[in-house]
């Protein structure tokens, strides 16, 4: 789920969880932008019903080198898909 804000609200989170349940997946990620470089990266929100892990990933779009941010995003998602998170 992509949101054009730095912090999703409860409705955004509920929507992502609903999609995860409807697609029968165990993880959901909300992609947002980071207000600063130090706020970029993963944030774990929790597990819903013992079934759906909910994460936020923030990318720093104001970086002087967006290519580095893109590469970091790809690497971080690869790690998540290969179960290296949490």
PDB file of N, CA and C in Angstrom:
ATOM      1  N   UNK A   1       0.860  -1.163   0.000  1.00  0.00           N
ATOM      2  CA  UNK A   1       0.000   0.000   0.000  1.00  0.00           C
ATOM      3  C   UNK A   1       0.911   1.231   0.000  1.00  0.00           C
ATOM      4  N   UNK A   2       0.719   2.131  -0.927  1.00  0.00           N
ATOM      5  CA  UNK A   2       1.522   3.355  -1.011  1.00  0.00           C
ATOM      6  C   UNK A   2       0.681   4.531  -0.553  1.00  0.00           C
ATOM      7  N   UNK A   3       1.258   5.308   0.351  1.00  0.00           N
ATOM      8  CA  UNK A   3       0.590   6.501   0.859  1.00  0.00           C
ATOM      9  C   UNK A   3       1.518   7.693   0.650  1.00  0.00           C
ATOM     10  N   UNK A   4       0.968   8.781   0.178  1.00  0.00           N
ATOM     11  CA  UNK A   4       1.758   9.983  -0.079  1.00  0.00           C
ATOM     12  C   UNK A   4       1.724  10.885   1.148  1.00  0.00           C
ATOM     13  N   UNK A   5       2.210  10.328   2.263  1.00  0.00           N
ATOM     14  CA  UNK A   5       2.292  11.045   3.526  1.00  0.00           C
ATOM     15  C   UNK A   5       3.392  10.392   4.356  1.00  0.00           C
ATOM     16  N   UNK A   6       3.828  11.072   5.390  1.00  0.00           N
ATOM     17  CA  UNK A   6       4.909  10.513   6.203  1.00  0.00           C
ATOM     18  C   UNK A   6       4.397   9.578   7.298  1.00  0.00           C
ATOM     19  N   UNK A   7       3.141   9.711   7.655  1.00  0.00           N
ATOM     20  CA  UNK A   7       2.613   8.876   8.725  1.00  0.00           C
ATOM     21  C   UNK A   7       1.179   8.452   8.389  1.00  0.00           C
ATOM     22  N   UNK A   8       0.969   7.162   8.166  1.00  0.00           N
ATOM     23  CA  UNK A   8      -0.379   6.717   7.843  1.00  0.00           C
ATOM     24  C   UNK A   8      -1.296   6.823   9.064  1.00  0.00           C
ATOM     25  N   UNK A   9      -2.561   7.064   8.817  1.00  0.00           N
ATOM     26  CA  UNK A   9      -3.525   7.111   9.916  1.00  0.00           C
ATOM     27  C   UNK A   9      -4.141   5.716  10.092  1.00  0.00           C
ATOM     28  N   UNK A  10      -5.022   5.595  11.057  1.00  0.00           N
ATOM     29  CA  UNK A  10      -5.640   4.305  11.379  1.00  0.00           C
ATOM     30  C   UNK A  10      -6.396   3.730  10.177  1.00  0.00           C
ATOM     31  N   UNK A  11      -7.079   4.571   9.437  1.00  0.00           N
ATOM     32  CA  UNK A  11      -7.812   4.108   8.257  1.00  0.00           C
ATOM     33  C   UNK A  11      -6.860   3.519   7.218  1.00  0.00           C
ATOM     34  N   UNK A  12      -5.694   4.144   7.016  1.00  0.00           N
ATOM     35  CA  UNK A  12      -4.695   3.633   6.076  1.00  0.00           C
ATOM     36  C   UNK A  12      -4.200   2.252   6.511  1.00  0.00           C
ATOM     37  N   UNK A  13      -3.936   2.118   7.800  1.00  0.00           N
ATOM     38  CA  UNK A  13      -3.451   0.842   8.345  1.00  0.00           C
ATOM     39  C   UNK A  13      -4.520  -0.236   8.191  1.00  0.00           C
ATOM     40  N   UNK A  14      -5.751   0.092   8.540  1.00  0.00           N
ATOM     41  CA  UNK A  14      -6.847  -0.875   8.402  1.00  0.00           C
ATOM     42  C   UNK A  14      -7.027  -1.315   6.951  1.00  0.00           C
ATOM     43  N   UNK A  15      -6.880  -0.382   6.022  1.00  0.00           N
ATOM     44  CA  UNK A  15      -7.009  -0.716   4.606  1.00  0.00           C
ATOM     45  C   UNK A  15      -5.927  -1.704   4.182  1.00  0.00           C
ATOM     46  N   UNK A  16      -4.691  -1.472   4.604  1.00  0.00           N
ATOM     47  CA  UNK A  16      -3.592  -2.372   4.252  1.00  0.00           C
ATOM     48  C   UNK A  16      -3.818  -3.766   4.836  1.00  0.00           C
ATOM     49  N   UNK A  17      -4.287  -3.829   6.077  1.00  0.00           N
ATOM     50  CA  UNK A  17      -4.566  -5.117   6.716  1.00  0.00           C
ATOM     51  C   UNK A  17      -5.701  -5.840   5.986  1.00  0.00           C
ATOM     52  N   UNK A  18      -6.728  -5.113   5.600  1.00  0.00           N
ATOM     53  CA  UNK A  18      -7.837  -5.709   4.855  1.00  0.00           C
ATOM     54  C   UNK A  18      -7.349  -6.305   3.539  1.00  0.00           C
ATOM     55  N   UNK A  19      -6.482  -5.585   2.835  1.00  0.00           N
ATOM     56  CA  UNK A  19      -5.911  -6.124   1.590  1.00  0.00           C
ATOM     57  C   UNK A  19      -5.118  -7.397   1.866  1.00  0.00           C
ATOM     58  N   UNK A  20      -4.305  -7.380   2.922  1.00  0.00           N
ATOM     59  CA  UNK A  20      -3.492  -8.557   3.257  1.00  0.00           C
ATOM     60  C   UNK A  20      -4.377  -9.770   3.521  1.00  0.00           C
ATOM     61  N   UNK A  21      -5.440  -9.569   4.277  1.00  0.00           N
ATOM     62  CA  UNK A  21      -6.352 -10.671   4.580  1.00  0.00           C
ATOM     63  C   UNK A  21      -7.043 -11.163   3.311  1.00  0.00           C
ATOM     64  N   UNK A  22      -7.487 -10.236   2.466  1.00  0.00           N
ATOM     65  CA  UNK A  22      -8.185 -10.652   1.242  1.00  0.00           C
ATOM     66  C   UNK A  22      -7.267 -11.381   0.267  1.00  0.00           C
ATOM     67  N   UNK A  23      -5.959 -11.066   0.299  1.00  0.00           N
ATOM     68  CA  UNK A  23      -4.998 -11.752  -0.566  1.00  0.00           C
ATOM     69  C   UNK A  23      -4.326 -12.929   0.138  1.00  0.00           C
ATOM     70  N   UNK A  24      -4.779 -13.212   1.366  1.00  0.00           N
ATOM     71  CA  UNK A  24      -4.275 -14.347   2.146  1.00  0.00           C
ATOM     72  C   UNK A  24      -2.758 -14.317   2.305  1.00  0.00           C
ATOM     73  N   UNK A  25      -2.239 -13.161   2.710  1.00  0.00           N
ATOM     74  CA  UNK A  25      -0.813 -13.015   2.945  1.00  0.00           C
ATOM     75  C   UNK A  25      -0.558 -12.756   4.428  1.00  0.00           C
ATOM     76  N   UNK A  26       0.663 -12.952   4.857  1.00  0.00           N
ATOM     77  CA  UNK A  26       0.988 -12.809   6.277  1.00  0.00           C
ATOM     78  C   UNK A  26       1.706 -11.505   6.609  1.00  0.00           C
ATOM     79  N   UNK A  27       2.028 -10.710   5.591  1.00  0.00           N
ATOM     80  CA  UNK A  27       2.707  -9.437   5.814  1.00  0.00           C
ATOM     81  C   UNK A  27       2.055  -8.359   4.973  1.00  0.00           C
ATOM     82  N   UNK A  28       2.038  -7.157   5.531  1.00  0.00           N
ATOM     83  CA  UNK A  28       1.607  -5.999   4.765  1.00  0.00           C
ATOM     84  C   UNK A  28       2.588  -4.872   5.023  1.00  0.00           C
ATOM     85  N   UNK A  29       2.855  -4.094   3.977  1.00  0.00           N
ATOM     86  CA  UNK A  29       3.784  -2.961   4.072  1.00  0.00           C
ATOM     87  C   UNK A  29       3.079  -1.719   3.561  1.00  0.00           C
ATOM     88  N   UNK A  30       3.198  -0.668   4.343  1.00  0.00           N
ATOM     89  CA  UNK A  30       2.714   0.638   3.914  1.00  0.00           C
ATOM     90  C   UNK A  30       3.948   1.454   3.571  1.00  0.00           C
ATOM     91  N   UNK A  31       4.043   1.883   2.333  1.00  0.00           N
ATOM     92  CA  UNK A  31       5.183   2.657   1.862  1.00  0.00           C
ATOM     93  C   UNK A  31       4.844   4.138   1.959  1.00  0.00           C
ATOM     94  N   UNK A  32       5.676   4.874   2.685  1.00  0.00           N
ATOM     95  CA  UNK A  32       5.475   6.314   2.898  1.00  0.00           C
ATOM     96  C   UNK A  32       6.792   7.039   2.642  1.00  0.00           C
ATOM     97  N   UNK A  33       6.752   8.359   2.704  1.00  0.00           N
ATOM     98  CA  UNK A  33       8.001   9.103   2.620  1.00  0.00           C
ATOM     99  C   UNK A  33       8.477   9.473   4.019  1.00  0.00           C
ATOM    100  N   UNK A  34       9.786   9.650   4.150  1.00  0.00           N
ATOM    101  CA  UNK A  34      10.387  10.060   5.422  1.00  0.00           C
ATOM    102  C   UNK A  34      10.621  11.559   5.391  1.00  0.00           C
ATOM    103  N   UNK A  35      10.347  12.219   6.510  1.00  0.00           N
ATOM    104  CA  UNK A  35      10.586  13.661   6.609  1.00  0.00           C
ATOM    105  C   UNK A  35      12.065  14.004   6.703  1.00  0.00           C
ATOM    106  N   UNK A  36      12.884  13.039   7.117  1.00  0.00           N
ATOM    107  CA  UNK A  36      14.333  13.230   7.187  1.00  0.00           C
ATOM    108  C   UNK A  36      15.010  11.887   6.947  1.00  0.00           C
ATOM    109  N   UNK A  37      16.294  11.929   6.656  1.00  0.00           N
ATOM    110  CA  UNK A  37      17.024  10.692   6.371  1.00  0.00           C
ATOM    111  C   UNK A  37      17.022   9.751   7.568  1.00  0.00           C
ATOM    112  N   UNK A  38      17.137  10.317   8.767  1.00  0.00           N
ATOM    113  CA  UNK A  38      17.204   9.455   9.950  1.00  0.00           C
ATOM    114  C   UNK A  38      15.870   8.759  10.247  1.00  0.00           C
ATOM    115  N   UNK A  39      14.782   9.236   9.676  1.00  0.00           N
ATOM    116  CA  UNK A  39      13.477   8.605   9.870  1.00  0.00           C
ATOM    117  C   UNK A  39      13.156   7.574   8.796  1.00  0.00           C
ATOM    118  N   UNK A  40      14.074   7.362   7.844  1.00  0.00           N
ATOM    119  CA  UNK A  40      13.817   6.390   6.784  1.00  0.00           C
ATOM    120  C   UNK A  40      14.029   4.971   7.301  1.00  0.00           C
ATOM    121  N   UNK A  41      13.438   4.022   6.597  1.00  0.00           N
ATOM    122  CA  UNK A  41      13.602   2.614   6.960  1.00  0.00           C
ATOM    123  C   UNK A  41      12.328   2.015   7.520  1.00  0.00           C
ATOM    124  N   UNK A  42      12.490   0.883   8.193  1.00  0.00           N
ATOM    125  CA  UNK A  42      11.378   0.090   8.669  1.00  0.00           C
ATOM    126  C   UNK A  42      10.842   0.551  10.016  1.00  0.00           C
ATOM    127  N   UNK A  43       9.538   0.383  10.180  1.00  0.00           N
ATOM    128  CA  UNK A  43       8.882   0.518  11.476  1.00  0.00           C
ATOM    129  C   UNK A  43       7.874  -0.621  11.572  1.00  0.00           C
ATOM    130  N   UNK A  44       8.012  -1.433  12.606  1.00  0.00           N
ATOM    131  CA  UNK A  44       7.089  -2.542  12.829  1.00  0.00           C
ATOM    132  C   UNK A  44       5.920  -2.040  13.657  1.00  0.00           C
ATOM    133  N   UNK A  45       4.695  -2.238  13.160  1.00  0.00           N
ATOM    134  CA  UNK A  45       3.510  -1.797  13.886  1.00  0.00           C
ATOM    135  C   UNK A  45       2.914  -2.891  14.758  1.00  0.00           C
ATOM    136  N   UNK A  46       3.045  -4.135  14.339  1.00  0.00           N
ATOM    137  CA  UNK A  46       2.495  -5.236  15.125  1.00  0.00           C
ATOM    138  C   UNK A  46       1.899  -6.315  14.254  1.00  0.00           C
ATOM    139  N   UNK A  47       1.322  -7.298  14.924  1.00  0.00           N
ATOM    140  CA  UNK A  47       0.718  -8.435  14.240  1.00  0.00           C
ATOM    141  C   UNK A  47      -0.764  -8.471  14.591  1.00  0.00           C
ATOM    142  N   UNK A  48      -1.594  -8.522  13.575  1.00  0.00           N
ATOM    143  CA  UNK A  48      -3.044  -8.497  13.745  1.00  0.00           C
ATOM    144  C   UNK A  48      -3.578  -9.929  13.728  1.00  0.00           C
ATOM    145  N   UNK A  49      -4.292 -10.296  14.764  1.00  0.00           N
ATOM    146  CA  UNK A  49      -4.917 -11.613  14.828  1.00  0.00           C
ATOM    147  C   UNK A  49      -3.934 -12.764  14.794  1.00  0.00           C
ATOM    148  N   UNK A  50      -2.683 -12.489  15.179  1.00  0.00           N
ATOM    149  CA  UNK A  50      -1.668 -13.535  15.123  1.00  0.00           C
ATOM    150  C   UNK A  50      -1.364 -13.992  13.712  1.00  0.00           C
ATOM    151  N   UNK A  51      -1.763 -13.167  12.734  1.00  0.00           N
ATOM    152  CA  UNK A  51      -1.677 -13.603  11.336  1.00  0.00           C
ATOM    153  C   UNK A  51      -0.998 -12.614  10.402  1.00  0.00           C
ATOM    154  N   UNK A  52      -1.289 -11.335  10.515  1.00  0.00           N
ATOM    155  CA  UNK A  52      -0.791 -10.356   9.552  1.00  0.00           C
ATOM    156  C   UNK A  52       0.178  -9.388  10.228  1.00  0.00           C
ATOM    157  N   UNK A  53       1.457  -9.520   9.886  1.00  0.00           N
ATOM    158  CA  UNK A  53       2.461  -8.561  10.366  1.00  0.00           C
ATOM    159  C   UNK A  53       2.297  -7.270   9.576  1.00  0.00           C
ATOM    160  N   UNK A  54       2.304  -6.154  10.283  1.00  0.00           N
ATOM    161  CA  UNK A  54       2.093  -4.864   9.647  1.00  0.00           C
ATOM    162  C   UNK A  54       3.327  -3.995   9.827  1.00  0.00           C
ATOM    163  N   UNK A  55       3.855  -3.517   8.707  1.00  0.00           N
ATOM    164  CA  UNK A  55       5.085  -2.724   8.678  1.00  0.00           C
ATOM    165  C   UNK A  55       4.848  -1.424   7.917  1.00  0.00           C
ATOM    166  N   UNK A  56       5.665  -0.435   8.267  1.00  0.00           N
ATOM    167  CA  UNK A  56       5.757   0.794   7.476  1.00  0.00           C
ATOM    168  C   UNK A  56       7.197   0.884   6.992  1.00  0.00           C
ATOM    169  N   UNK A  57       7.376   1.213   5.722  1.00  0.00           N
ATOM    170  CA  UNK A  57       8.708   1.531   5.206  1.00  0.00           C
ATOM    171  C   UNK A  57       8.661   2.967   4.703  1.00  0.00           C
ATOM    172  N   UNK A  58       9.604   3.770   5.205  1.00  0.00           N
ATOM    173  CA  UNK A  58       9.683   5.175   4.789  1.00  0.00           C
ATOM    174  C   UNK A  58      10.941   5.381   3.949  1.00  0.00           C
ATOM    175  N   UNK A  59      10.748   5.998   2.795  1.00  0.00           N
ATOM    176  CA  UNK A  59      11.860   6.318   1.900  1.00  0.00           C
ATOM    177  C   UNK A  59      12.074   7.834   1.925  1.00  0.00           C
ATOM    178  N   UNK A  60      13.336   8.234   1.972  1.00  0.00           N
ATOM    179  CA  UNK A  60      13.684   9.657   2.032  1.00  0.00           C
ATOM    180  C   UNK A  60      13.798  10.201   0.604  1.00  0.00           C
ATOM    181  N   UNK A  61      12.731  10.811   0.133  1.00  0.00           N
ATOM    182  CA  UNK A  61      12.662  11.282  -1.250  1.00  0.00           C
ATOM    183  C   UNK A  61      13.436  12.577  -1.493  1.00  0.00           C
ATOM    184  N   UNK A  62      13.793  13.289  -0.418  1.00  0.00           N
ATOM    185  CA  UNK A  62      14.560  14.533  -0.570  1.00  0.00           C
ATOM    186  C   UNK A  62      16.066  14.308  -0.536  1.00  0.00           C
ATOM    187  N   UNK A  63      16.485  13.076  -0.660  1.00  0.00           N
ATOM    188  CA  UNK A  63      17.903  12.736  -0.638  1.00  0.00           C
ATOM    189  C   UNK A  63      18.645  13.420  -1.785  1.00  0.00           C
ATOM    190  N   UNK A  64      19.891  13.760  -1.553  1.00  0.00           N
ATOM    191  CA  UNK A  64      20.740  14.313  -2.618  1.00  0.00           C
ATOM    192  C   UNK A  64      21.080  13.249  -3.660  1.00  0.00           C
ATOM    193  N   UNK A  65      20.941  11.988  -3.267  1.00  0.00           N
ATOM    194  CA  UNK A  65      21.221  10.895  -4.189  1.00  0.00           C
ATOM    195  C   UNK A  65      20.070   9.884  -4.118  1.00  0.00           C
ATOM    196  N   UNK A  66      19.041  10.125  -4.895  1.00  0.00           N
ATOM    197  CA  UNK A  66      17.852   9.277  -4.855  1.00  0.00           C
ATOM    198  C   UNK A  66      18.158   7.849  -5.294  1.00  0.00           C
ATOM    199  N   UNK A  67      19.176   7.663  -6.109  1.00  0.00           N
ATOM    200  CA  UNK A  67      19.579   6.318  -6.543  1.00  0.00           C
ATOM    201  C   UNK A  67      19.974   5.468  -5.337  1.00  0.00           C
ATOM    202  N   UNK A  68      20.670   6.052  -4.384  1.00  0.00           N
ATOM    203  CA  UNK A  68      21.037   5.318  -3.170  1.00  0.00           C
ATOM    204  C   UNK A  68      19.780   4.917  -2.404  1.00  0.00           C
ATOM    205  N   UNK A  69      18.820   5.824  -2.311  1.00  0.00           N
ATOM    206  CA  UNK A  69      17.565   5.520  -1.617  1.00  0.00           C
ATOM    207  C   UNK A  69      16.789   4.411  -2.337  1.00  0.00           C
ATOM    208  N   UNK A  70      16.776   4.447  -3.661  1.00  0.00           N
ATOM    209  CA  UNK A  70      16.105   3.400  -4.431  1.00  0.00           C
ATOM    210  C   UNK A  70      16.769   2.045  -4.211  1.00  0.00           C
ATOM    211  N   UNK A  71      18.100   2.033  -4.234  1.00  0.00           N
ATOM    212  CA  UNK A  71      18.833   0.786  -4.007  1.00  0.00           C
ATOM    213  C   UNK A  71      18.588   0.256  -2.597  1.00  0.00           C
ATOM    214  N   UNK A  72      18.558   1.163  -1.626  1.00  0.00           N
ATOM    215  CA  UNK A  72      18.288   0.778  -0.242  1.00  0.00           C
ATOM    216  C   UNK A  72      16.884   0.184  -0.128  1.00  0.00           C
ATOM    217  N   UNK A  73      15.905   0.810  -0.768  1.00  0.00           N
ATOM    218  CA  UNK A  73      14.532   0.305  -0.759  1.00  0.00           C
ATOM    219  C   UNK A  73      14.480  -1.111  -1.323  1.00  0.00           C
ATOM    220  N   UNK A  74      15.099  -1.328  -2.469  1.00  0.00           N
ATOM    221  CA  UNK A  74      15.095  -2.654  -3.100  1.00  0.00           C
ATOM    222  C   UNK A  74      15.768  -3.691  -2.196  1.00  0.00           C
ATOM    223  N   UNK A  75      16.887  -3.333  -1.609  1.00  0.00           N
ATOM    224  CA  UNK A  75      17.612  -4.243  -0.722  1.00  0.00           C
ATOM    225  C   UNK A  75      16.794  -4.572   0.523  1.00  0.00           C
ATOM    226  N   UNK A  76      16.191  -3.557   1.113  1.00  0.00           N
ATOM    227  CA  UNK A  76      15.387  -3.755   2.323  1.00  0.00           C
ATOM    228  C   UNK A  76      14.167  -4.638   2.044  1.00  0.00           C
ATOM    229  N   UNK A  77      13.501  -4.431   0.913  1.00  0.00           N
ATOM    230  CA  UNK A  77      12.344  -5.268   0.568  1.00  0.00           C
ATOM    231  C   UNK A  77      12.793  -6.699   0.278  1.00  0.00           C
ATOM    232  N   UNK A  78      13.930  -6.866  -0.350  1.00  0.00           N
ATOM    233  CA  UNK A  78      14.473  -8.196  -0.589  1.00  0.00           C
ATOM    234  C   UNK A  78      14.725  -8.913   0.737  1.00  0.00           C
ATOM    235  N   UNK A  79      15.307  -8.193   1.694  1.00  0.00           N
ATOM    236  CA  UNK A  79      15.556  -8.782   3.013  1.00  0.00           C
ATOM    237  C   UNK A  79      14.240  -9.198   3.672  1.00  0.00           C
ATOM    238  N   UNK A  80      13.222  -8.351   3.569  1.00  0.00           N
ATOM    239  CA  UNK A  80      11.932  -8.665   4.166  1.00  0.00           C
ATOM    240  C   UNK A  80      11.317  -9.896   3.509  1.00  0.00           C
ATOM    241  N   UNK A  81      11.387  -9.971   2.202  1.00  0.00           N
ATOM    242  CA  UNK A  81      10.815 -11.115   1.496  1.00  0.00           C
ATOM    243  C   UNK A  81      11.558 -12.410   1.795  1.00  0.00           C
ATOM    244  N   UNK A  82      12.816 -12.295   2.153  1.00  0.00           N
ATOM    245  CA  UNK A  82      13.614 -13.476   2.504  1.00  0.00           C
ATOM    246  C   UNK A  82      13.651 -13.725   4.008  1.00  0.00           C
ATOM    247  N   UNK A  83      12.739 -13.089   4.735  1.00  0.00           N
ATOM    248  CA  UNK A  83      12.538 -13.317   6.159  1.00  0.00           C
ATOM    249  C   UNK A  83      13.724 -12.890   7.026  1.00  0.00           C
ATOM    250  N   UNK A  84      14.435 -11.835   6.635  1.00  0.00           N
ATOM    251  CA  UNK A  84      15.541 -11.346   7.445  1.00  0.00           C
ATOM    252  C   UNK A  84      15.097 -10.280   8.448  1.00  0.00           C
ATOM    253  N   UNK A  85      13.860  -9.863   8.357  1.00  0.00           N
ATOM    254  CA  UNK A  85      13.353  -8.875   9.298  1.00  0.00           C
ATOM    255  C   UNK A  85      12.679  -9.577  10.463  1.00  0.00           C
ATOM    256  N   UNK A  86      12.724  -8.893  11.594  1.00  0.00           N
ATOM    257  CA  UNK A  86      12.002  -9.251  12.802  1.00  0.00           C
ATOM    258  C   UNK A  86      12.475 -10.494  13.409  1.00  0.00           C
TER     259      UNK A  86
END
